[in-house]
Amino acid sequence: KLFSLQTLELRGNKLESTAGLSLPKLKNLYLAQNAIRSLEGLEELE
């Protein structure tokens, strides 16, 4: 449903992982100021 999405801003939330961001067209991803401990699923962000 979001096959055109190129920029996703999620700064300042309560994320603990990157799992679930399966958006192959995404170019810019902002995840600062969360509580992320593990990087998962990044291989899909080609």
All heavy atoms as atom14 arrays in JSON, in Angstrom:
{
  "sequence": "KLFSLQTLELRGNKLESTAGLSLPKLKNLYLAQNAIRSLEGLEELE",
  "atom14_mask": [
    [1, 1, 1, 1, 1, 1, 1, 1, 1, 0, 0, 0, 0, 0],
    [1, 1, 1, 1, 1, 1, 1, 1, 0, 0, 0, 0, 0, 0],
    [1, 1, 1, 1, 1, 1, 1, 1, 1, 1, 1, 0, 0, 0],
    [1, 1, 1, 1, 1, 1, 0, 0, 0, 0, 0, 0, 0, 0],
    [1, 1, 1, 1, 1, 1, 1, 1, 0, 0, 0, 0, 0, 0],
    [1, 1, 1, 1, 1, 1, 1, 1, 1, 0, 0, 0, 0, 0],
    [1, 1, 1, 1, 1, 1, 1, 0, 0, 0, 0, 0, 0, 0],
    [1, 1, 1, 1, 1, 1, 1, 1, 0, 0, 0, 0, 0, 0],
    [1, 1, 1, 1, 1, 1, 1, 1, 1, 0, 0, 0, 0, 0],
    [1, 1, 1, 1, 1, 1, 1, 1, 0, 0, 0, 0, 0, 0],
    [1, 1, 1, 1, 1, 1, 1, 1, 1, 1, 1, 0, 0, 0],
    [1, 1, 1, 1, 0, 0, 0, 0, 0, 0, 0, 0, 0, 0],
    [1, 1, 1, 1, 1, 1, 1, 1, 0, 0, 0, 0, 0, 0],
    [1, 1, 1, 1, 1, 1, 1, 1, 1, 0, 0, 0, 0, 0],
    [1, 1, 1, 1, 1, 1, 1, 1, 0, 0, 0, 0, 0, 0],
    [1, 1, 1, 1, 1, 1, 1, 1, 1, 0, 0, 0, 0, 0],
    [1, 1, 1, 1, 1, 1, 0, 0, 0, 0, 0, 0, 0, 0],
    [1, 1, 1, 1, 1, 1, 1, 0, 0, 0, 0, 0, 0, 0],
    [1, 1, 1, 1, 1, 0, 0, 0, 0, 0, 0, 0, 0, 0],
    [1, 1, 1, 1, 0, 0, 0, 0, 0, 0, 0, 0, 0, 0],
    [1, 1, 1, 1, 1, 1, 1, 1, 0, 0, 0, 0, 0, 0],
    [1, 1, 1, 1, 1, 1, 0, 0, 0, 0, 0, 0, 0, 0],
    [1, 1, 1, 1, 1, 1, 1, 1, 0, 0, 0, 0, 0, 0],
    [1, 1, 1, 1, 1, 1, 1, 0, 0, 0, 0, 0, 0, 0],
    [1, 1, 1, 1, 1, 1, 1, 1, 1, 0, 0, 0, 0, 0],
    [1, 1, 1, 1, 1, 1, 1, 1, 0, 0, 0, 0, 0, 0],
    [1, 1, 1, 1, 1, 1, 1, 1, 1, 0, 0, 0, 0, 0],
    [1, 1, 1, 1, 1, 1, 1, 1, 0, 0, 0, 0, 0, 0],
    [1, 1, 1, 1, 1, 1, 1, 1, 0, 0, 0, 0, 0, 0],
    [1, 1, 1, 1, 1, 1, 1, 1, 1, 1, 1, 1, 0, 0],
    [1, 1, 1, 1, 1, 1, 1, 1, 0, 0, 0, 0, 0, 0],
    [1, 1, 1, 1, 1, 0, 0, 0, 0, 0, 0, 0, 0, 0],
    [1, 1, 1, 1, 1, 1, 1, 1, 1, 0, 0, 0, 0, 0],
    [1, 1, 1, 1, 1, 1, 1, 1, 0, 0, 0, 0, 0, 0],
    [1, 1, 1, 1, 1, 0, 0, 0, 0, 0, 0, 0, 0, 0],
    [1, 1, 1, 1, 1, 1, 1, 1, 0, 0, 0, 0, 0, 0],
    [1, 1, 1, 1, 1, 1, 1, 1, 1, 1, 1, 0, 0, 0],
    [1, 1, 1, 1, 1, 1, 0, 0, 0, 0, 0, 0, 0, 0],
    [1, 1, 1, 1, 1, 1, 1, 1, 0, 0, 0, 0, 0, 0],
    [1, 1, 1, 1, 1, 1, 1, 1, 1, 0, 0, 0, 0, 0],
    [1, 1, 1, 1, 0, 0, 0, 0, 0, 0, 0, 0, 0, 0],
    [1, 1, 1, 1, 1, 1, 1, 1, 0, 0, 0, 0, 0, 0],
    [1, 1, 1, 1, 1, 1, 1, 1, 1, 0, 0, 0, 0, 0],
    [1, 1, 1, 1, 1, 1, 1, 1, 1, 0, 0, 0, 0, 0],
    [1, 1, 1, 1, 1, 1, 1, 1, 0, 0, 0, 0, 0, 0],
    [1, 1, 1, 1, 1, 1, 1, 1, 1, 0, 0, 0, 0, 0]
  ],
  "atom14_positions": [
    [[0.81, -1.22, 0.0], [0.0, 0.0, 0.0], [0.84, 1.27, 0.0], [0.34, 2.36, -0.25], [-0.91, 0.01, 1.23], [-1.97, -1.08, 1.21], [-2.89, -0.96, 2.4], [-4.0, -2.0, 2.35], [-4.9, -1.91, 3.5], [0.0, 0.0, 0.0], [0.0, 0.0, 0.0], [0.0, 0.0, 0.0], [0.0, 0.0, 0.0], [0.0, 0.0, 0.0]],
    [[2.13, 1.14, 0.27], [3.02, 2.3, 0.37], [4.22, 2.12, -0.56], [5.36, 2.36, -0.17], [3.49, 2.49, 1.82], [2.43, 2.93, 2.82], [2.96, 2.85, 4.24], [1.94, 4.35, 2.52], [0.0, 0.0, 0.0], [0.0, 0.0, 0.0], [0.0, 0.0, 0.0], [0.0, 0.0, 0.0], [0.0, 0.0, 0.0], [0.0, 0.0, 0.0]],
    [[3.95, 1.72, -1.79], [5.06, 1.4, -2.7], [5.77, 2.63, -3.24], [6.8, 2.5, -3.91], [4.58, 0.5, -3.84], [3.27, 0.9, -4.46], [3.2, 1.92, -5.39], [2.11, 0.25, -4.09], [2.0, 2.29, -5.95], [0.88, 0.61, -4.66], [0.83, 1.63, -5.59], [0.0, 0.0, 0.0], [0.0, 0.0, 0.0], [0.0, 0.0, 0.0]],
    [[5.27, 3.84, -2.94], [5.95, 5.06, -3.39], [6.73, 5.74, -2.27], [7.4, 6.75, -2.5], [4.92, 6.06, -3.94], [4.2, 5.52, -5.02], [0.0, 0.0, 0.0], [0.0, 0.0, 0.0], [0.0, 0.0, 0.0], [0.0, 0.0, 0.0], [0.0, 0.0, 0.0], [0.0, 0.0, 0.0], [0.0, 0.0, 0.0], [0.0, 0.0, 0.0]],
    [[6.66, 5.2, -1.04], [7.26, 5.87, 0.11], [8.79, 5.91, 0.03], [9.44, 4.88, -0.11], [6.85, 5.16, 1.41], [7.12, 5.93, 2.7], [6.31, 7.22, 2.75], [6.82, 5.07, 3.92], [0.0, 0.0, 0.0], [0.0, 0.0, 0.0], [0.0, 0.0, 0.0], [0.0, 0.0, 0.0], [0.0, 0.0, 0.0], [0.0, 0.0, 0.0]],
    [[9.35, 7.13, 0.1], [10.8, 7.31, 0.02], [11.41, 7.86, 1.3], [12.58, 7.6, 1.57], [11.15, 8.23, -1.16], [10.78, 7.65, -2.5], [11.33, 8.47, -3.65], [12.09, 9.42, -3.46], [10.95, 8.12, -4.85], [0.0, 0.0, 0.0], [0.0, 0.0, 0.0], [0.0, 0.0, 0.0], [0.0, 0.0, 0.0], [0.0, 0.0, 0.0]],
    [[10.66, 8.6, 2.09], [11.19, 9.2, 3.32], [10.25, 8.88, 4.48], [9.05, 9.17, 4.42], [11.33, 10.72, 3.18], [12.25, 11.01, 2.12], [11.85, 11.34, 4.47], [0.0, 0.0, 0.0], [0.0, 0.0, 0.0], [0.0, 0.0, 0.0], [0.0, 0.0, 0.0], [0.0, 0.0, 0.0], [0.0, 0.0, 0.0], [0.0, 0.0, 0.0]],
    [[10.83, 8.28, 5.54], [10.07, 7.93, 6.73], [10.77, 8.5, 7.96], [11.94, 8.22, 8.21], [9.95, 6.41, 6.86], [9.23, 5.86, 8.1], [7.8, 6.41, 8.19], [9.2, 4.34, 8.07], [0.0, 0.0, 0.0], [0.0, 0.0, 0.0], [0.0, 0.0, 0.0], [0.0, 0.0, 0.0], [0.0, 0.0, 0.0], [0.0, 0.0, 0.0]],
    [[10.06, 9.33, 8.7], [10.59, 10.02, 9.88], [9.93, 9.45, 11.13], [8.72, 9.6, 11.33], [10.31, 11.52, 9.73], [10.51, 12.34, 10.97], [11.95, 12.46, 11.4], [12.63, 13.36, 10.91], [12.37, 11.64, 12.24], [0.0, 0.0, 0.0], [0.0, 0.0, 0.0], [0.0, 0.0, 0.0], [0.0, 0.0, 0.0], [0.0, 0.0, 0.0]],
    [[10.73, 8.75, 11.96], [10.22, 8.13, 13.18], [11.03, 8.56, 14.4], [11.09, 7.85, 15.4], [10.25, 6.6, 13.05], [9.17, 5.99, 12.15], [9.48, 4.54, 11.85], [7.8, 6.11, 12.79], [0.0, 0.0, 0.0], [0.0, 0.0, 0.0], [0.0, 0.0, 0.0], [0.0, 0.0, 0.0], [0.0, 0.0, 0.0], [0.0, 0.0, 0.0]],
    [[11.66, 9.71, 14.31], [12.46, 10.21, 15.42], [11.61, 10.39, 16.69], [10.44, 10.76, 16.61], [13.03, 11.58, 15.03], [14.48, 11.78, 15.34], [14.94, 13.14, 14.84], [14.54, 13.44, 13.48], [15.22, 14.23, 12.66], [16.33, 14.79, 13.07], [14.8, 14.47, 11.45], [0.0, 0.0, 0.0], [0.0, 0.0, 0.0], [0.0, 0.0, 0.0]],
    [[12.22, 10.13, 17.84], [11.55, 10.46, 19.1], [10.32, 9.62, 19.4], [9.31, 10.13, 19.87], [0.0, 0.0, 0.0], [0.0, 0.0, 0.0], [0.0, 0.0, 0.0], [0.0, 0.0, 0.0], [0.0, 0.0, 0.0], [0.0, 0.0, 0.0], [0.0, 0.0, 0.0], [0.0, 0.0, 0.0], [0.0, 0.0, 0.0], [0.0, 0.0, 0.0]],
    [[10.41, 8.31, 19.13], [9.34, 7.4, 19.52], [9.87, 6.42, 20.57], [10.81, 6.74, 21.29], [8.8, 6.69, 18.27], [7.77, 7.54, 17.53], [6.62, 7.62, 17.92], [8.21, 8.19, 16.45], [0.0, 0.0, 0.0], [0.0, 0.0, 0.0], [0.0, 0.0, 0.0], [0.0, 0.0, 0.0], [0.0, 0.0, 0.0], [0.0, 0.0, 0.0]],
    [[9.28, 5.22, 20.63], [9.69, 4.24, 21.65], [10.08, 2.91, 21.02], [9.92, 1.85, 21.62], [8.55, 4.05, 22.66], [8.23, 5.33, 23.43], [7.15, 5.11, 24.47], [6.9, 6.38, 25.27], [5.91, 6.18, 26.35], [0.0, 0.0, 0.0], [0.0, 0.0, 0.0], [0.0, 0.0, 0.0], [0.0, 0.0, 0.0], [0.0, 0.0, 0.0]],
    [[10.61, 2.97, 19.81], [11.0, 1.76, 19.1], [12.18, 1.08, 19.79], [13.13, 1.73, 20.22], [11.4, 2.09, 17.66], [10.3, 2.62, 16.74], [10.9, 3.13, 15.45], [9.28, 1.53, 16.47], [0.0, 0.0, 0.0], [0.0, 0.0, 0.0], [0.0, 0.0, 0.0], [0.0, 0.0, 0.0], [0.0, 0.0, 0.0], [0.0, 0.0, 0.0]],
    [[12.13, -0.26, 19.86], [13.24, -1.04, 20.4], [13.93, -1.86, 19.33], [15.0, -2.42, 19.56], [12.74, -1.95, 21.53], [12.23, -1.16, 22.73], [11.8, -2.05, 23.88], [12.01, -3.29, 23.79], [11.27, -1.52, 24.87], [0.0, 0.0, 0.0], [0.0, 0.0, 0.0], [0.0, 0.0, 0.0], [0.0, 0.0, 0.0], [0.0, 0.0, 0.0]],
    [[13.31, -1.96, 18.15], [13.86, -2.74, 17.05], [13.43, -2.11, 15.73], [12.46, -1.35, 15.68], [13.36, -4.19, 17.13], [13.65, -4.89, 15.93], [0.0, 0.0, 0.0], [0.0, 0.0, 0.0], [0.0, 0.0, 0.0], [0.0, 0.0, 0.0], [0.0, 0.0, 0.0], [0.0, 0.0, 0.0], [0.0, 0.0, 0.0], [0.0, 0.0, 0.0]],
    [[14.14, -2.47, 14.65], [13.76, -2.0, 13.32], [12.92, -3.03, 12.57], [12.59, -2.83, 11.41], [15.01, -1.68, 12.49], [15.87, -2.83, 12.46], [15.78, -0.5, 13.08], [0.0, 0.0, 0.0], [0.0, 0.0, 0.0], [0.0, 0.0, 0.0], [0.0, 0.0, 0.0], [0.0, 0.0, 0.0], [0.0, 0.0, 0.0], [0.0, 0.0, 0.0]],
    [[12.6, -4.15, 13.21], [11.82, -5.2, 12.55], [10.49, -4.66, 12.04], [9.79, -3.95, 12.75], [11.58, -6.35, 13.53], [0.0, 0.0, 0.0], [0.0, 0.0, 0.0], [0.0, 0.0, 0.0], [0.0, 0.0, 0.0], [0.0, 0.0, 0.0], [0.0, 0.0, 0.0], [0.0, 0.0, 0.0], [0.0, 0.0, 0.0], [0.0, 0.0, 0.0]],
    [[10.16, -5.02, 10.8], [8.87, -4.63, 10.24], [8.93, -3.56, 9.18], [7.93, -3.28, 8.52], [0.0, 0.0, 0.0], [0.0, 0.0, 0.0], [0.0, 0.0, 0.0], [0.0, 0.0, 0.0], [0.0, 0.0, 0.0], [0.0, 0.0, 0.0], [0.0, 0.0, 0.0], [0.0, 0.0, 0.0], [0.0, 0.0, 0.0], [0.0, 0.0, 0.0]],
    [[10.1, -2.96, 8.98], [10.21, -1.88, 7.98], [10.52, -2.46, 6.59], [11.57, -2.22, 6.01], [11.31, -0.89, 8.4], [10.99, -0.05, 9.64], [12.21, 0.71, 10.1], [9.85, 0.92, 9.35], [0.0, 0.0, 0.0], [0.0, 0.0, 0.0], [0.0, 0.0, 0.0], [0.0, 0.0, 0.0], [0.0, 0.0, 0.0], [0.0, 0.0, 0.0]],
    [[9.6, -3.24, 6.08], [9.81, -3.87, 4.76], [9.3, -2.94, 3.66], [8.21, -3.1, 3.13], [9.09, -5.21, 4.7], [7.72, -5.07, 5.04], [0.0, 0.0, 0.0], [0.0, 0.0, 0.0], [0.0, 0.0, 0.0], [0.0, 0.0, 0.0], [0.0, 0.0, 0.0], [0.0, 0.0, 0.0], [0.0, 0.0, 0.0], [0.0, 0.0, 0.0]],
    [[10.12, -1.93, 3.36], [9.77, -0.9, 2.38], [10.91, -0.77, 1.37], [11.77, 0.09, 1.5], [9.52, 0.43, 3.1], [8.36, 0.43, 4.11], [8.49, 1.6, 5.06], [7.02, 0.46, 3.4], [0.0, 0.0, 0.0], [0.0, 0.0, 0.0], [0.0, 0.0, 0.0], [0.0, 0.0, 0.0], [0.0, 0.0, 0.0], [0.0, 0.0, 0.0]],
    [[10.95, -1.61, 0.35], [12.1, -1.68, -0.55], [12.43, -0.39, -1.31], [13.55, -0.2, -1.74], [11.7, -2.78, -1.55], [10.68, -3.6, -0.84], [9.96, -2.65, 0.05], [0.0, 0.0, 0.0], [0.0, 0.0, 0.0], [0.0, 0.0, 0.0], [0.0, 0.0, 0.0], [0.0, 0.0, 0.0], [0.0, 0.0, 0.0], [0.0, 0.0, 0.0]],
    [[11.46, 0.53, -1.45], [11.72, 1.78, -2.18], [12.2, 2.91, -1.27], [12.54, 3.99, -1.74], [10.45, 2.22, -2.91], [9.97, 1.28, -4.01], [10.9, 1.35, -5.23], [10.42, 0.41, -6.33], [9.16, 0.81, -6.93], [0.0, 0.0, 0.0], [0.0, 0.0, 0.0], [0.0, 0.0, 0.0], [0.0, 0.0, 0.0], [0.0, 0.0, 0.0]],
    [[12.23, 2.67, 0.04], [12.58, 3.71, 0.99], [14.02, 4.18, 0.78], [14.94, 3.38, 0.64], [12.41, 3.18, 2.42], [12.25, 4.23, 3.52], [10.95, 5.0, 3.33], [12.28, 3.56, 4.89], [0.0, 0.0, 0.0], [0.0, 0.0, 0.0], [0.0, 0.0, 0.0], [0.0, 0.0, 0.0], [0.0, 0.0, 0.0], [0.0, 0.0, 0.0]],
    [[14.22, 5.52, 0.78], [15.56, 6.08, 0.59], [16.1, 6.76, 1.84], [17.31, 6.77, 2.06], [15.54, 7.08, -0.57], [15.3, 6.41, -1.92], [15.45, 7.39, -3.07], [15.32, 6.65, -4.4], [15.45, 7.58, -5.56], [0.0, 0.0, 0.0], [0.0, 0.0, 0.0], [0.0, 0.0, 0.0], [0.0, 0.0, 0.0], [0.0, 0.0, 0.0]],
    [[15.23, 7.35, 2.64], [15.66, 8.1, 3.83], [14.88, 7.63, 5.04], [13.65, 7.69, 5.05], [15.43, 9.61, 3.63], [16.06, 10.11, 2.35], [17.27, 10.1, 2.19], [15.23, 10.55, 1.41], [0.0, 0.0, 0.0], [0.0, 0.0, 0.0], [0.0, 0.0, 0.0], [0.0, 0.0, 0.0], [0.0, 0.0, 0.0], [0.0, 0.0, 0.0]],
    [[15.61, 7.17, 6.08], [14.97, 6.64, 7.27], [15.59, 7.29, 8.51], [16.79, 7.2, 8.75], [15.16, 5.12, 7.32], [14.59, 4.38, 8.53], [13.09, 4.63, 8.69], [14.85, 2.88, 8.4], [0.0, 0.0, 0.0], [0.0, 0.0, 0.0], [0.0, 0.0, 0.0], [0.0, 0.0, 0.0], [0.0, 0.0, 0.0], [0.0, 0.0, 0.0]],
    [[14.74, 7.95, 9.3], [15.19, 8.7, 10.48], [14.64, 8.04, 11.74], [13.43, 8.08, 11.99], [14.73, 10.16, 10.38], [15.24, 10.85, 9.13], [14.47, 10.91, 7.98], [16.52, 11.39, 9.11], [14.97, 11.52, 6.83], [17.02, 12.0, 7.97], [16.24, 12.06, 6.84], [16.73, 12.65, 5.69], [0.0, 0.0, 0.0], [0.0, 0.0, 0.0]],
    [[15.54, 7.43, 12.53], [15.14, 6.66, 13.71], [15.84, 7.15, 14.98], [15.94, 6.41, 15.96], [15.48, 5.18, 13.49], [14.73, 4.46, 12.36], [15.35, 3.1, 12.09], [13.26, 4.34, 12.69], [0.0, 0.0, 0.0], [0.0, 0.0, 0.0], [0.0, 0.0, 0.0], [0.0, 0.0, 0.0], [0.0, 0.0, 0.0], [0.0, 0.0, 0.0]],
    [[16.32, 8.37, 14.97], [17.03, 8.9, 16.14], [16.1, 9.01, 17.35], [14.88, 9.07, 17.21], [17.62, 10.28, 15.83], [0.0, 0.0, 0.0], [0.0, 0.0, 0.0], [0.0, 0.0, 0.0], [0.0, 0.0, 0.0], [0.0, 0.0, 0.0], [0.0, 0.0, 0.0], [0.0, 0.0, 0.0], [0.0, 0.0, 0.0], [0.0, 0.0, 0.0]],
    [[16.71, 9.01, 18.54], [15.97, 9.25, 19.79], [14.86, 8.23, 20.02], [13.73, 8.58, 20.35], [15.41, 10.68, 19.81], [16.5, 11.74, 19.74], [16.0, 13.11, 19.39], [14.84, 13.29, 19.01], [16.85, 14.09, 19.5], [0.0, 0.0, 0.0], [0.0, 0.0, 0.0], [0.0, 0.0, 0.0], [0.0, 0.0, 0.0], [0.0, 0.0, 0.0]],
    [[15.21, 6.96, 19.83], [14.33, 5.87, 20.2], [15.05, 5.04, 21.27], [15.93, 5.55, 21.95], [13.97, 5.04, 18.97], [12.81, 5.65, 18.18], [11.66, 5.47, 18.52], [13.13, 6.37, 17.11], [0.0, 0.0, 0.0], [0.0, 0.0, 0.0], [0.0, 0.0, 0.0], [0.0, 0.0, 0.0], [0.0, 0.0, 0.0], [0.0, 0.0, 0.0]],
    [[14.67, 3.77, 21.4], [15.33, 2.88, 22.37], [15.79, 1.61, 21.64], [15.72, 0.5, 22.19], [14.38, 2.54, 23.5], [0.0, 0.0, 0.0], [0.0, 0.0, 0.0], [0.0, 0.0, 0.0], [0.0, 0.0, 0.0], [0.0, 0.0, 0.0], [0.0, 0.0, 0.0], [0.0, 0.0, 0.0], [0.0, 0.0, 0.0], [0.0, 0.0, 0.0]],
    [[16.24, 1.79, 20.4], [16.56, 0.64, 19.54], [17.81, -0.09, 20.05], [18.87, 0.51, 20.23], [16.76, 1.11, 18.08], [15.43, 1.65, 17.53], [17.27, -0.05, 17.21], [15.53, 2.33, 16.19], [0.0, 0.0, 0.0], [0.0, 0.0, 0.0], [0.0, 0.0, 0.0], [0.0, 0.0, 0.0], [0.0, 0.0, 0.0], [0.0, 0.0, 0.0]],
    [[17.64, -1.41, 20.25], [18.74, -2.26, 20.7], [19.18, -3.24, 19.62], [20.29, -3.78, 19.67], [18.31, -3.08, 21.93], [17.98, -2.23, 23.15], [17.43, -3.1, 24.27], [17.06, -2.31, 25.43], [17.89, -1.97, 26.4], [19.15, -2.36, 26.35], [17.47, -1.26, 27.42], [0.0, 0.0, 0.0], [0.0, 0.0, 0.0], [0.0, 0.0, 0.0]],
    [[18.29, -3.52, 18.67], [18.63, -4.5, 17.62], [18.19, -4.01, 16.26], [17.15, -3.35, 16.11], [17.99, -5.85, 17.94], [16.58, -5.75, 17.91], [0.0, 0.0, 0.0], [0.0, 0.0, 0.0], [0.0, 0.0, 0.0], [0.0, 0.0, 0.0], [0.0, 0.0, 0.0], [0.0, 0.0, 0.0], [0.0, 0.0, 0.0], [0.0, 0.0, 0.0]],
    [[18.99, -4.35, 15.25], [18.71, -3.99, 13.86], [18.24, -5.24, 13.14], [19.01, -6.19, 12.94], [19.97, -3.43, 13.2], [20.56, -2.18, 13.88], [21.89, -1.8, 13.24], [19.57, -1.01, 13.79], [0.0, 0.0, 0.0], [0.0, 0.0, 0.0], [0.0, 0.0, 0.0], [0.0, 0.0, 0.0], [0.0, 0.0, 0.0], [0.0, 0.0, 0.0]],
    [[16.98, -5.24, 12.75], [16.4, -6.41, 12.09], [15.64, -5.98, 10.84], [15.02, -4.93, 10.82], [15.43, -7.12, 13.04], [16.06, -7.6, 14.34], [15.01, -8.09, 15.33], [14.31, -9.06, 14.98], [14.89, -7.5, 16.42], [0.0, 0.0, 0.0], [0.0, 0.0, 0.0], [0.0, 0.0, 0.0], [0.0, 0.0, 0.0], [0.0, 0.0, 0.0]],
    [[15.71, -6.82, 9.81], [14.95, -6.56, 8.59], [15.54, -5.5, 7.68], [14.92, -5.13, 6.68], [0.0, 0.0, 0.0], [0.0, 0.0, 0.0], [0.0, 0.0, 0.0], [0.0, 0.0, 0.0], [0.0, 0.0, 0.0], [0.0, 0.0, 0.0], [0.0, 0.0, 0.0], [0.0, 0.0, 0.0], [0.0, 0.0, 0.0], [0.0, 0.0, 0.0]],
    [[16.74, -5.0, 7.99], [17.32, -3.95, 7.16], [17.66, -4.42, 5.75], [17.74, -3.62, 4.81], [18.59, -3.39, 7.81], [18.43, -2.66, 9.15], [19.77, -2.12, 9.62], [17.41, -1.53, 9.05], [0.0, 0.0, 0.0], [0.0, 0.0, 0.0], [0.0, 0.0, 0.0], [0.0, 0.0, 0.0], [0.0, 0.0, 0.0], [0.0, 0.0, 0.0]],
    [[17.84, -5.73, 5.6], [18.22, -6.26, 4.27], [17.15, -5.99, 3.22], [17.43, -6.02, 2.02], [18.5, -7.76, 4.35], [17.34, -8.65, 4.71], [17.04, -8.74, 6.21], [17.8, -8.15, 7.02], [16.04, -9.39, 6.56], [0.0, 0.0, 0.0], [0.0, 0.0, 0.0], [0.0, 0.0, 0.0], [0.0, 0.0, 0.0], [0.0, 0.0, 0.0]],
    [[15.92, -5.69, 3.66], [14.85, -5.39, 2.7], [14.88, -3.95, 2.22], [14.2, -3.6, 1.26], [13.5, -5.71, 3.34], [13.32, -7.18, 3.68], [11.89, -7.51, 4.02], [10.99, -7.09, 3.27], [11.66, -8.17, 5.05], [0.0, 0.0, 0.0], [0.0, 0.0, 0.0], [0.0, 0.0, 0.0], [0.0, 0.0, 0.0], [0.0, 0.0, 0.0]],
    [[15.67, -3.1, 2.87], [15.72, -1.67, 2.51], [16.81, -1.46, 1.45], [17.81, -0.78, 1.67], [15.99, -0.83, 3.76], [14.99, -1.02, 4.9], [15.36, -0.16, 6.1], [13.56, -0.72, 4.45], [0.0, 0.0, 0.0], [0.0, 0.0, 0.0], [0.0, 0.0, 0.0], [0.0, 0.0, 0.0], [0.0, 0.0, 0.0], [0.0, 0.0, 0.0]],
    [[16.59, -2.02, 0.29], [17.63, -2.08, -0.74], [17.95, -0.74, -1.38], [19.03, -0.56, -1.94], [17.24, -3.11, -1.81], [17.14, -4.52, -1.27], [16.78, -5.53, -2.35], [16.63, -5.1, -3.53], [16.65, -6.72, -2.03], [0.0, 0.0, 0.0], [0.0, 0.0, 0.0], [0.0, 0.0, 0.0], [0.0, 0.0, 0.0], [0.0, 0.0, 0.0]]
  ]
}
